[in-house]
Amino acid sequence: MNDELKGAAREMGGRVQQSVGDALGDTRRQAQGLYDQAAGQAQQQAARLGDAIKEQPLVATLIAAGIGYLLGRLTS
């Protein structure tokens, strides 16, 4: 299973966990559900970013160099 699907599964599990927490009034379970949702979304985005870098490595390198240059100019 790739990281994007794992992230989607974790996000969905977090939604279920939050719903159960809501129904039971369990704030700890609600918070864990929210955490899992956010972690799942982050995992999906990281997988998409990795795919984009693999598809267009030159563009990704140029963007990273541009960001590095701008950050360098801002801090000096």
C-alpha atoms as a PDB file:
ATOM      1  CA  MET A   1       0.000   0.000   0.000  1.00  0.00           C
ATOM      2  CA  ASN A   2       1.481   3.375  -0.935  1.00  0.00           C
ATOM      3  CA  ASP A   3       1.801   6.311   1.441  1.00  0.00           C
ATOM      4  CA  GLU A   4      -1.119   8.207  -0.072  1.00  0.00           C
ATOM      5  CA  LEU A   5      -3.495   5.312   0.603  1.00  0.00           C
ATOM      6  CA  LYS A   6      -2.060   4.826   4.089  1.00  0.00           C
ATOM      7  CA  GLY A   7      -2.660   8.518   4.766  1.00  0.00           C
ATOM      8  CA  ALA A   8      -6.223   8.296   3.511  1.00  0.00           C
ATOM      9  CA  ALA A   9      -6.851   5.273   5.723  1.00  0.00           C
ATOM     10  CA  ARG A  10      -5.383   7.054   8.747  1.00  0.00           C
ATOM     11  CA  GLU A  11      -7.487  10.134   8.049  1.00  0.00           C
ATOM     12  CA  MET A  12     -10.647   8.045   7.762  1.00  0.00           C
ATOM     13  CA  GLY A  13      -9.802   6.182  10.966  1.00  0.00           C
ATOM     14  CA  GLY A  14      -9.337   9.530  12.688  1.00  0.00           C
ATOM     15  CA  ARG A  15     -12.762  10.660  11.528  1.00  0.00           C
ATOM     16  CA  VAL A  16     -14.324   7.514  12.958  1.00  0.00           C
ATOM     17  CA  GLN A  17     -12.393   7.901  16.201  1.00  0.00           C
ATOM     18  CA  GLN A  18     -13.470  11.523  16.531  1.00  0.00           C
ATOM     19  CA  SER A  19     -17.107  10.562  15.912  1.00  0.00           C
ATOM     20  CA  VAL A  20     -16.941   7.860  18.571  1.00  0.00           C
ATOM     21  CA  GLY A  21     -15.377  10.380  20.942  1.00  0.00           C
ATOM     22  CA  ASP A  22     -18.155  12.850  20.182  1.00  0.00           C
ATOM     23  CA  ALA A  23     -20.828  10.222  20.838  1.00  0.00           C
ATOM     24  CA  LEU A  24     -19.235   9.121  24.115  1.00  0.00           C
ATOM     25  CA  GLY A  25     -18.186  12.575  25.264  1.00  0.00           C
ATOM     26  CA  ASP A  26     -14.577  11.342  25.399  1.00  0.00           C
ATOM     27  CA  THR A  27     -12.392  14.390  24.728  1.00  0.00           C
ATOM     28  CA  ARG A  28      -9.210  12.329  24.671  1.00  0.00           C
ATOM     29  CA  ARG A  29     -10.580  10.135  21.883  1.00  0.00           C
ATOM     30  CA  GLN A  30     -11.809  13.222  20.020  1.00  0.00           C
ATOM     31  CA  ALA A  31      -8.347  14.794  20.221  1.00  0.00           C
ATOM     32  CA  GLN A  32      -6.658  11.587  19.061  1.00  0.00           C
ATOM     33  CA  GLY A  33      -9.099  11.438  16.142  1.00  0.00           C
ATOM     34  CA  LEU A  34      -8.274  15.010  15.145  1.00  0.00           C
ATOM     35  CA  TYR A  35      -4.559  14.233  15.410  1.00  0.00           C
ATOM     36  CA  ASP A  36      -4.918  11.155  13.202  1.00  0.00           C
ATOM     37  CA  GLN A  37      -6.893  13.141  10.634  1.00  0.00           C
ATOM     38  CA  ALA A  38      -4.197  15.810  10.432  1.00  0.00           C
ATOM     39  CA  ALA A  39      -1.413  13.213  10.296  1.00  0.00           C
ATOM     40  CA  GLY A  40      -3.224  11.341   7.526  1.00  0.00           C
ATOM     41  CA  GLN A  41      -3.663  14.510   5.490  1.00  0.00           C
ATOM     42  CA  ALA A  42       0.011  15.391   5.947  1.00  0.00           C
ATOM     43  CA  GLN A  43       1.020  11.899   4.848  1.00  0.00           C
ATOM     44  CA  GLN A  44      -1.114  12.200   1.717  1.00  0.00           C
ATOM     45  CA  GLN A  45       0.371  15.589   0.843  1.00  0.00           C
ATOM     46  CA  ALA A  46       3.915  14.328   1.382  1.00  0.00           C
ATOM     47  CA  ALA A  47       3.229  11.408  -0.953  1.00  0.00           C
ATOM     48  CA  ARG A  48       1.858  13.746  -3.619  1.00  0.00           C
ATOM     49  CA  LEU A  49       4.852  16.039  -3.273  1.00  0.00           C
ATOM     50  CA  GLY A  50       7.202  13.073  -3.599  1.00  0.00           C
ATOM     51  CA  ASP A  51       5.386  11.969  -6.750  1.00  0.00           C
ATOM     52  CA  ALA A  52       5.630  15.467  -8.233  1.00  0.00           C
ATOM     53  CA  ILE A  53       9.363  15.598  -7.504  1.00  0.00           C
ATOM     54  CA  LYS A  54       9.862  12.196  -9.151  1.00  0.00           C
ATOM     55  CA  GLU A  55       7.899  13.287 -12.226  1.00  0.00           C
ATOM     56  CA  GLN A  56       9.686  16.631 -12.668  1.00  0.00           C
ATOM     57  CA  PRO A  57      13.014  16.612 -10.812  1.00  0.00           C
ATOM     58  CA  LEU A  58      14.491  19.560 -12.722  1.00  0.00           C
ATOM     59  CA  VAL A  59      11.535  21.826 -11.937  1.00  0.00           C
ATOM     60  CA  ALA A  60      11.612  20.745  -8.289  1.00  0.00           C
ATOM     61  CA  THR A  61      15.341  21.495  -8.082  1.00  0.00           C
ATOM     62  CA  LEU A  62      14.895  24.934  -9.624  1.00  0.00           C
ATOM     63  CA  ILE A  63      12.052  25.765  -7.242  1.00  0.00           C
ATOM     64  CA  ALA A  64      14.114  24.631  -4.240  1.00  0.00           C
ATOM     65  CA  ALA A  65      17.087  26.701  -5.432  1.00  0.00           C
ATOM     66  CA  GLY A  66      14.855  29.746  -5.894  1.00  0.00           C
ATOM     67  CA  ILE A  67      13.389  29.397  -2.427  1.00  0.00           C
ATOM     68  CA  GLY A  68      16.861  28.983  -0.953  1.00  0.00           C
ATOM     69  CA  TYR A  69      18.064  32.084  -2.772  1.00  0.00           C
ATOM     70  CA  LEU A  70      15.095  34.161  -1.544  1.00  0.00           C
ATOM     71  CA  LEU A  71      15.522  32.978   2.039  1.00  0.00           C
ATOM     72  CA  GLY A  72      19.211  33.816   1.852  1.00  0.00           C
ATOM     73  CA  ARG A  73      18.451  37.311   0.616  1.00  0.00           C
ATOM     74  CA  LEU A  74      15.863  37.881   3.347  1.00  0.00           C
ATOM     75  CA  THR A  75      18.189  36.875   6.175  1.00  0.00           C
ATOM     76  CA  SER A  76      21.247  38.867   5.072  1.00  0.00           C
END
